[in-house]
């Protein structure tokens, strides 16, 4: 009977260690999620700012007349 008890105790210790390992991995995963979320938000903000600046520059640029060349067809100039 003691062998069964010893096996059960050993098994429960293994389960306890696995729970500890999973909790440690969970903490690491949560930290990585936070870092990636921050990176994503920063990148999205920078992209939005760049798009806004490009739109502002395009809106303030004067209209360029269309010109046609003999060999090139229709071209746009600034």
PDB file of N, CA and C in Angstrom:
ATOM      1  N   UNK A   1       0.819  -1.201   0.000  1.00  0.00           N
ATOM      2  CA  UNK A   1       0.000   0.000   0.000  1.00  0.00           C
ATOM      3  C   UNK A   1       0.856   1.255   0.000  1.00  0.00           C
ATOM      4  N   UNK A   2       2.004   1.212   0.687  1.00  0.00           N
ATOM      5  CA  UNK A   2       2.843   2.407   0.740  1.00  0.00           C
ATOM      6  C   UNK A   2       3.403   2.757  -0.632  1.00  0.00           C
ATOM      7  N   UNK A   3       3.613   1.796  -1.486  1.00  0.00           N
ATOM      8  CA  UNK A   3       4.123   2.068  -2.823  1.00  0.00           C
ATOM      9  C   UNK A   3       3.118   2.885  -3.619  1.00  0.00           C
ATOM     10  N   UNK A   4       1.842   2.559  -3.498  1.00  0.00           N
ATOM     11  CA  UNK A   4       0.796   3.310  -4.199  1.00  0.00           C
ATOM     12  C   UNK A   4       0.747   4.741  -3.661  1.00  0.00           C
ATOM     13  N   UNK A   5       0.871   4.895  -2.370  1.00  0.00           N
ATOM     14  CA  UNK A   5       0.861   6.232  -1.763  1.00  0.00           C
ATOM     15  C   UNK A   5       2.077   7.024  -2.237  1.00  0.00           C
ATOM     16  N   UNK A   6       3.226   6.399  -2.267  1.00  0.00           N
ATOM     17  CA  UNK A   6       4.437   7.087  -2.725  1.00  0.00           C
ATOM     18  C   UNK A   6       4.305   7.498  -4.185  1.00  0.00           C
ATOM     19  N   UNK A   7       3.720   6.616  -4.988  1.00  0.00           N
ATOM     20  CA  UNK A   7       3.519   6.953  -6.401  1.00  0.00           C
ATOM     21  C   UNK A   7       2.542   8.121  -6.548  1.00  0.00           C
ATOM     22  N   UNK A   8       1.503   8.119  -5.740  1.00  0.00           N
ATOM     23  CA  UNK A   8       0.519   9.200  -5.797  1.00  0.00           C
ATOM     24  C   UNK A   8       1.159  10.525  -5.370  1.00  0.00           C
ATOM     25  N   UNK A   9       1.966  10.486  -4.315  1.00  0.00           N
ATOM     26  CA  UNK A   9       2.657  11.701  -3.855  1.00  0.00           C
ATOM     27  C   UNK A   9       3.605  12.220  -4.931  1.00  0.00           C
ATOM     28  N   UNK A  10       4.356  11.324  -5.547  1.00  0.00           N
ATOM     29  CA  UNK A  10       5.288  11.727  -6.598  1.00  0.00           C
ATOM     30  C   UNK A  10       4.532  12.329  -7.778  1.00  0.00           C
ATOM     31  N   UNK A  11       3.416  11.714  -8.116  1.00  0.00           N
ATOM     32  CA  UNK A  11       2.612  12.239  -9.214  1.00  0.00           C
ATOM     33  C   UNK A  11       2.091  13.636  -8.894  1.00  0.00           C
ATOM     34  N   UNK A  12       1.592  13.812  -7.683  1.00  0.00           N
ATOM     35  CA  UNK A  12       1.069  15.127  -7.309  1.00  0.00           C
ATOM     36  C   UNK A  12       2.169  16.183  -7.271  1.00  0.00           C
ATOM     37  N   UNK A  13       3.375  15.803  -6.871  1.00  0.00           N
ATOM     38  CA  UNK A  13       4.501  16.736  -6.916  1.00  0.00           C
ATOM     39  C   UNK A  13       4.819  17.130  -8.360  1.00  0.00           C
ATOM     40  N   UNK A  14       4.754  16.161  -9.283  1.00  0.00           N
ATOM     41  CA  UNK A  14       4.979  16.464 -10.693  1.00  0.00           C
ATOM     42  C   UNK A  14       3.911  17.411 -11.236  1.00  0.00           C
ATOM     43  N   UNK A  15       2.679  17.182 -10.826  1.00  0.00           N
ATOM     44  CA  UNK A  15       1.588  18.069 -11.255  1.00  0.00           C
ATOM     45  C   UNK A  15       1.815  19.470 -10.700  1.00  0.00           C
ATOM     46  N   UNK A  16       2.225  19.561  -9.440  1.00  0.00           N
ATOM     47  CA  UNK A  16       2.489  20.862  -8.825  1.00  0.00           C
ATOM     48  C   UNK A  16       3.610  21.596  -9.568  1.00  0.00           C
ATOM     49  N   UNK A  17       4.679  20.899  -9.930  1.00  0.00           N
ATOM     50  CA  UNK A  17       5.787  21.512 -10.667  1.00  0.00           C
ATOM     51  C   UNK A  17       5.325  21.989 -12.049  1.00  0.00           C
ATOM     52  N   UNK A  18       4.503  21.188 -12.686  1.00  0.00           N
ATOM     53  CA  UNK A  18       4.000  21.576 -14.012  1.00  0.00           C
ATOM     54  C   UNK A  18       3.128  22.823 -13.913  1.00  0.00           C
ATOM     55  N   UNK A  19       2.339  22.914 -12.875  1.00  0.00           N
ATOM     56  CA  UNK A  19       1.525  24.124 -12.662  1.00  0.00           C
ATOM     57  C   UNK A  19       2.427  25.339 -12.479  1.00  0.00           C
ATOM     58  N   UNK A  20       3.492  25.192 -11.700  1.00  0.00           N
ATOM     59  CA  UNK A  20       4.449  26.289 -11.516  1.00  0.00           C
ATOM     60  C   UNK A  20       5.075  26.692 -12.848  1.00  0.00           C
ATOM     61  N   UNK A  21       5.500  25.706 -13.624  1.00  0.00           N
ATOM     62  CA  UNK A  21       6.100  26.005 -14.929  1.00  0.00           C
ATOM     63  C   UNK A  21       5.121  26.733 -15.841  1.00  0.00           C
ATOM     64  N   UNK A  22       3.879  26.278 -15.857  1.00  0.00           N
ATOM     65  CA  UNK A  22       2.870  26.922 -16.702  1.00  0.00           C
ATOM     66  C   UNK A  22       2.589  28.357 -16.250  1.00  0.00           C
ATOM     67  N   UNK A  23       2.572  28.568 -14.936  1.00  0.00           N
ATOM     68  CA  UNK A  23       2.357  29.932 -14.429  1.00  0.00           C
ATOM     69  C   UNK A  23       3.510  30.855 -14.821  1.00  0.00           C
ATOM     70  N   UNK A  24       4.732  30.328 -14.774  1.00  0.00           N
ATOM     71  CA  UNK A  24       5.893  31.131 -15.192  1.00  0.00           C
ATOM     72  C   UNK A  24       5.818  31.453 -16.677  1.00  0.00           C
ATOM     73  N   UNK A  25       5.443  30.459 -17.494  1.00  0.00           N
ATOM     74  CA  UNK A  25       5.297  30.698 -18.931  1.00  0.00           C
ATOM     75  C   UNK A  25       4.181  31.696 -19.212  1.00  0.00           C
ATOM     76  N   UNK A  26       3.111  31.617 -18.420  1.00  0.00           N
ATOM     77  CA  UNK A  26       1.989  32.551 -18.576  1.00  0.00           C
ATOM     78  C   UNK A  26       2.451  33.986 -18.343  1.00  0.00           C
ATOM     79  N   UNK A  27       3.258  34.183 -17.322  1.00  0.00           N
ATOM     80  CA  UNK A  27       3.791  35.516 -17.033  1.00  0.00           C
ATOM     81  C   UNK A  27       4.640  36.005 -18.202  1.00  0.00           C
ATOM     82  N   UNK A  28       5.490  35.124 -18.722  1.00  0.00           N
ATOM     83  CA  UNK A  28       6.334  35.499 -19.868  1.00  0.00           C
ATOM     84  C   UNK A  28       5.486  35.822 -21.102  1.00  0.00           C
ATOM     85  N   UNK A  29       4.470  35.026 -21.343  1.00  0.00           N
ATOM     86  CA  UNK A  29       3.600  35.261 -22.494  1.00  0.00           C
ATOM     87  C   UNK A  29       2.852  36.579 -22.333  1.00  0.00           C
ATOM     88  N   UNK A  30       2.342  36.851 -21.141  1.00  0.00           N
ATOM     89  CA  UNK A  30       1.639  38.112 -20.898  1.00  0.00           C
ATOM     90  C   UNK A  30       2.561  39.312 -21.126  1.00  0.00           C
ATOM     91  N   UNK A  31       3.809  39.189 -20.700  1.00  0.00           N
ATOM     92  CA  UNK A  31       4.771  40.273 -20.917  1.00  0.00           C
ATOM     93  C   UNK A  31       5.039  40.466 -22.405  1.00  0.00           C
ATOM     94  N   UNK A  32       5.171  39.377 -23.129  1.00  0.00           N
ATOM     95  CA  UNK A  32       5.417  39.479 -24.565  1.00  0.00           C
ATOM     96  C   UNK A  32       4.209  40.080 -25.279  1.00  0.00           C
ATOM     97  N   UNK A  33       3.006  39.718 -24.849  1.00  0.00           N
ATOM     98  CA  UNK A  33       1.799  40.297 -25.429  1.00  0.00           C
ATOM     99  C   UNK A  33       1.775  41.801 -25.193  1.00  0.00           C
ATOM    100  N   UNK A  34       2.133  42.231 -24.002  1.00  0.00           N
ATOM    101  CA  UNK A  34       2.176  43.666 -23.697  1.00  0.00           C
ATOM    102  C   UNK A  34       3.185  44.383 -24.591  1.00  0.00           C
ATOM    103  N   UNK A  35       4.358  43.799 -24.769  1.00  0.00           N
ATOM    104  CA  UNK A  35       5.386  44.415 -25.608  1.00  0.00           C
ATOM    105  C   UNK A  35       4.926  44.504 -27.051  1.00  0.00           C
ATOM    106  N   UNK A  36       4.353  43.427 -27.570  1.00  0.00           N
ATOM    107  CA  UNK A  36       3.902  43.432 -28.959  1.00  0.00           C
ATOM    108  C   UNK A  36       2.719  44.377 -29.167  1.00  0.00           C
ATOM    109  N   UNK A  37       1.839  44.470 -28.184  1.00  0.00           N
ATOM    110  CA  UNK A  37       0.716  45.393 -28.271  1.00  0.00           C
ATOM    111  C   UNK A  37       1.216  46.829 -28.295  1.00  0.00           C
ATOM    112  N   UNK A  38       2.185  47.132 -27.468  1.00  0.00           N
ATOM    113  CA  UNK A  38       2.779  48.468 -27.454  1.00  0.00           C
ATOM    114  C   UNK A  38       3.436  48.776 -28.790  1.00  0.00           C
ATOM    115  N   UNK A  39       4.180  47.811 -29.320  1.00  0.00           N
ATOM    116  CA  UNK A  39       4.839  47.979 -30.620  1.00  0.00           C
ATOM    117  C   UNK A  39       3.804  48.209 -31.723  1.00  0.00           C
ATOM    118  N   UNK A  40       2.728  47.440 -31.698  1.00  0.00           N
ATOM    119  CA  UNK A  40       1.660  47.590 -32.682  1.00  0.00           C
ATOM    120  C   UNK A  40       1.011  48.963 -32.591  1.00  0.00           C
ATOM    121  N   UNK A  41       0.695  49.395 -31.383  1.00  0.00           N
ATOM    122  CA  UNK A  41       0.057  50.702 -31.202  1.00  0.00           C
ATOM    123  C   UNK A  41       0.974  51.838 -31.642  1.00  0.00           C
ATOM    124  N   UNK A  42       2.256  51.755 -31.292  1.00  0.00           N
ATOM    125  CA  UNK A  42       3.218  52.780 -31.703  1.00  0.00           C
ATOM    126  C   UNK A  42       3.346  52.821 -33.216  1.00  0.00           C
ATOM    127  N   UNK A  43       3.433  51.648 -33.843  1.00  0.00           N
ATOM    128  CA  UNK A  43       3.557  51.580 -35.290  1.00  0.00           C
ATOM    129  C   UNK A  43       2.323  52.126 -35.985  1.00  0.00           C
ATOM    130  N   UNK A  44       1.152  51.800 -35.477  1.00  0.00           N
ATOM    131  CA  UNK A  44      -0.091  52.298 -36.069  1.00  0.00           C
ATOM    132  C   UNK A  44      -0.178  53.817 -35.941  1.00  0.00           C
ATOM    133  N   UNK A  45       0.261  54.348 -34.815  1.00  0.00           N
ATOM    134  CA  UNK A  45       0.244  55.793 -34.610  1.00  0.00           C
ATOM    135  C   UNK A  45       1.216  56.482 -35.565  1.00  0.00           C
ATOM    136  N   UNK A  46       2.402  55.939 -35.708  1.00  0.00           N
ATOM    137  CA  UNK A  46       3.375  56.526 -36.625  1.00  0.00           C
ATOM    138  C   UNK A  46       2.876  56.472 -38.064  1.00  0.00           C
ATOM    139  N   UNK A  47       2.252  55.368 -38.434  1.00  0.00           N
ATOM    140  CA  UNK A  47       1.706  55.240 -39.779  1.00  0.00           C
ATOM    141  C   UNK A  47       0.606  56.265 -40.016  1.00  0.00           C
ATOM    142  N   UNK A  48      -0.261  56.440 -39.041  1.00  0.00           N
ATOM    143  CA  UNK A  48      -1.345  57.420 -39.158  1.00  0.00           C
ATOM    144  C   UNK A  48      -0.774  58.823 -39.312  1.00  0.00           C
ATOM    145  N   UNK A  49       0.246  59.156 -38.535  1.00  0.00           N
ATOM    146  CA  UNK A  49       0.869  60.471 -38.640  1.00  0.00           C
ATOM    147  C   UNK A  49       1.507  60.670 -40.001  1.00  0.00           C
ATOM    148  N   UNK A  50       2.180  59.644 -40.509  1.00  0.00           N
ATOM    149  CA  UNK A  50       2.813  59.736 -41.823  1.00  0.00           C
ATOM    150  C   UNK A  50       1.762  59.907 -42.914  1.00  0.00           C
ATOM    151  N   UNK A  51       0.652  59.187 -42.800  1.00  0.00           N
ATOM    152  CA  UNK A  51      -0.419  59.326 -43.781  1.00  0.00           C
ATOM    153  C   UNK A  51      -1.024  60.719 -43.731  1.00  0.00           C
ATOM    154  N   UNK A  52      -1.217  61.251 -42.526  1.00  0.00           N
ATOM    155  CA  UNK A  52      -1.772  62.599 -42.386  1.00  0.00           C
ATOM    156  C   UNK A  52      -0.838  63.636 -42.990  1.00  0.00           C
ATOM    157  N   UNK A  53       0.467  63.482 -42.740  1.00  0.00           N
ATOM    158  CA  UNK A  53       1.440  64.416 -43.309  1.00  0.00           C
ATOM    159  C   UNK A  53       1.454  64.328 -44.826  1.00  0.00           C
ATOM    160  N   UNK A  54       1.393  63.114 -45.368  1.00  0.00           N
ATOM    161  CA  UNK A  54       1.393  62.942 -46.819  1.00  0.00           C
ATOM    162  C   UNK A  54       0.142  63.548 -47.431  1.00  0.00           C
ATOM    163  N   UNK A  55      -1.000  63.370 -46.778  1.00  0.00           N
ATOM    164  CA  UNK A  55      -2.243  63.959 -47.279  1.00  0.00           C
ATOM    165  C   UNK A  55      -2.182  65.477 -47.215  1.00  0.00           C
ATOM    166  N   UNK A  56      -1.595  66.026 -46.156  1.00  0.00           N
ATOM    167  CA  UNK A  56      -1.483  67.476 -46.026  1.00  0.00           C
ATOM    168  C   UNK A  56      -0.567  68.042 -47.105  1.00  0.00           C
ATOM    169  N   UNK A  57       0.539  67.352 -47.373  1.00  0.00           N
ATOM    170  CA  UNK A  57       1.449  67.804 -48.421  1.00  0.00           C
ATOM    171  C   UNK A  57       0.783  67.730 -49.788  1.00  0.00           C
ATOM    172  N   UNK A  58       0.055  66.681 -50.017  1.00  0.00           N
ATOM    173  CA  UNK A  58      -0.615  66.515 -51.300  1.00  0.00           C
ATOM    174  C   UNK A  58      -1.700  67.576 -51.472  1.00  0.00           C
ATOM    175  N   UNK A  59      -2.402  67.903 -50.406  1.00  0.00           N
ATOM    176  CA  UNK A  59      -3.461  68.906 -50.486  1.00  0.00           C
ATOM    177  C   UNK A  59      -2.893  70.299 -50.717  1.00  0.00           C
ATOM    178  N   UNK A  60      -1.691  70.551 -50.198  1.00  0.00           N
ATOM    179  CA  UNK A  60      -1.115  71.890 -50.347  1.00  0.00           C
ATOM    180  C   UNK A  60      -0.310  72.040 -51.633  1.00  0.00           C
ATOM    181  N   UNK A  61      -0.033  70.935 -52.326  1.00  0.00           N
ATOM    182  CA  UNK A  61       0.733  71.007 -53.579  1.00  0.00           C
ATOM    183  C   UNK A  61      -0.149  71.577 -54.677  1.00  0.00           C
ATOM    184  N   UNK A  62       0.409  72.440 -55.524  1.00  0.00           N
ATOM    185  CA  UNK A  62      -0.392  73.005 -56.611  1.00  0.00           C
ATOM    186  C   UNK A  62      -0.744  71.923 -57.632  1.00  0.00           C
ATOM    187  N   UNK A  63      -1.872  72.131 -58.285  1.00  0.00           N
ATOM    188  CA  UNK A  63      -2.287  71.204 -59.328  1.00  0.00           C
ATOM    189  C   UNK A  63      -1.284  71.255 -60.472  1.00  0.00           C
ATOM    190  N   UNK A  64      -0.855  70.123 -60.948  1.00  0.00           N
ATOM    191  CA  UNK A  64       0.098  70.071 -62.050  1.00  0.00           C
ATOM    192  C   UNK A  64      -0.672  69.853 -63.352  1.00  0.00           C
ATOM    193  N   UNK A  65      -0.398  70.632 -64.368  1.00  0.00           N
ATOM    194  CA  UNK A  65      -1.105  70.449 -65.637  1.00  0.00           C
ATOM    195  C   UNK A  65      -0.643  69.162 -66.324  1.00  0.00           C
ATOM    196  N   UNK A  66      -1.516  68.603 -67.107  1.00  0.00           N
ATOM    197  CA  UNK A  66      -1.165  67.421 -67.890  1.00  0.00           C
ATOM    198  C   UNK A  66      -0.355  67.864 -69.097  1.00  0.00           C
ATOM    199  N   UNK A  67       0.667  67.108 -69.406  1.00  0.00           N
ATOM    200  CA  UNK A  67       1.457  67.380 -70.599  1.00  0.00           C
ATOM    201  C   UNK A  67       1.555  66.087 -71.395  1.00  0.00           C
ATOM    202  N   UNK A  68       1.530  66.235 -72.685  1.00  0.00           N
ATOM    203  CA  UNK A  68       1.699  65.061 -73.523  1.00  0.00           C
ATOM    204  C   UNK A  68       2.985  65.215 -74.294  1.00  0.00           C
ATOM    205  N   UNK A  69       3.694  64.127 -74.404  1.00  0.00           N
ATOM    206  CA  UNK A  69       4.933  64.131 -75.170  1.00  0.00           C
ATOM    207  C   UNK A  69       4.731  63.301 -76.421  1.00  0.00           C
ATOM    208  N   UNK A  70       5.534  63.517 -77.418  1.00  0.00           N
ATOM    209  CA  UNK A  70       5.346  62.794 -78.676  1.00  0.00           C
ATOM    210  C   UNK A  70       5.570  61.291 -78.553  1.00  0.00           C
ATOM    211  N   UNK A  71       6.528  60.868 -77.727  1.00  0.00           N
ATOM    212  CA  UNK A  71       6.848  59.442 -77.651  1.00  0.00           C
ATOM    213  C   UNK A  71       6.339  58.783 -76.375  1.00  0.00           C
ATOM    214  N   UNK A  72       6.072  59.560 -75.340  1.00  0.00           N
ATOM    215  CA  UNK A  72       5.803  58.996 -74.031  1.00  0.00           C
ATOM    216  C   UNK A  72       4.323  58.940 -73.695  1.00  0.00           C
ATOM    217  N   UNK A  73       3.477  59.529 -74.434  1.00  0.00           N
ATOM    218  CA  UNK A  73       2.060  59.556 -74.093  1.00  0.00           C
ATOM    219  C   UNK A  73       1.807  60.611 -73.053  1.00  0.00           C
ATOM    220  N   UNK A  74       0.796  60.446 -72.250  1.00  0.00           N
ATOM    221  CA  UNK A  74       0.442  61.442 -71.238  1.00  0.00           C
ATOM    222  C   UNK A  74       1.324  61.270 -70.018  1.00  0.00           C
ATOM    223  N   UNK A  75       1.885  62.395 -69.529  1.00  0.00           N
ATOM    224  CA  UNK A  75       2.705  62.373 -68.325  1.00  0.00           C
ATOM    225  C   UNK A  75       2.208  63.406 -67.366  1.00  0.00           C
ATOM    226  N   UNK A  76       2.514  63.221 -66.098  1.00  0.00           N
ATOM    227  CA  UNK A  76       2.164  64.179 -65.066  1.00  0.00           C
ATOM    228  C   UNK A  76       3.439  64.860 -64.625  1.00  0.00           C
ATOM    229  N   UNK A  77       3.367  66.181 -64.458  1.00  0.00           N
ATOM    230  CA  UNK A  77       4.547  66.914 -63.992  1.00  0.00           C
ATOM    231  C   UNK A  77       4.162  67.744 -62.793  1.00  0.00           C
ATOM    232  N   UNK A  78       5.168  68.071 -62.027  1.00  0.00           N
ATOM    233  CA  UNK A  78       4.940  68.936 -60.863  1.00  0.00           C
ATOM    234  C   UNK A  78       5.608  70.257 -61.072  1.00  0.00           C
TER     235      UNK A  78
END
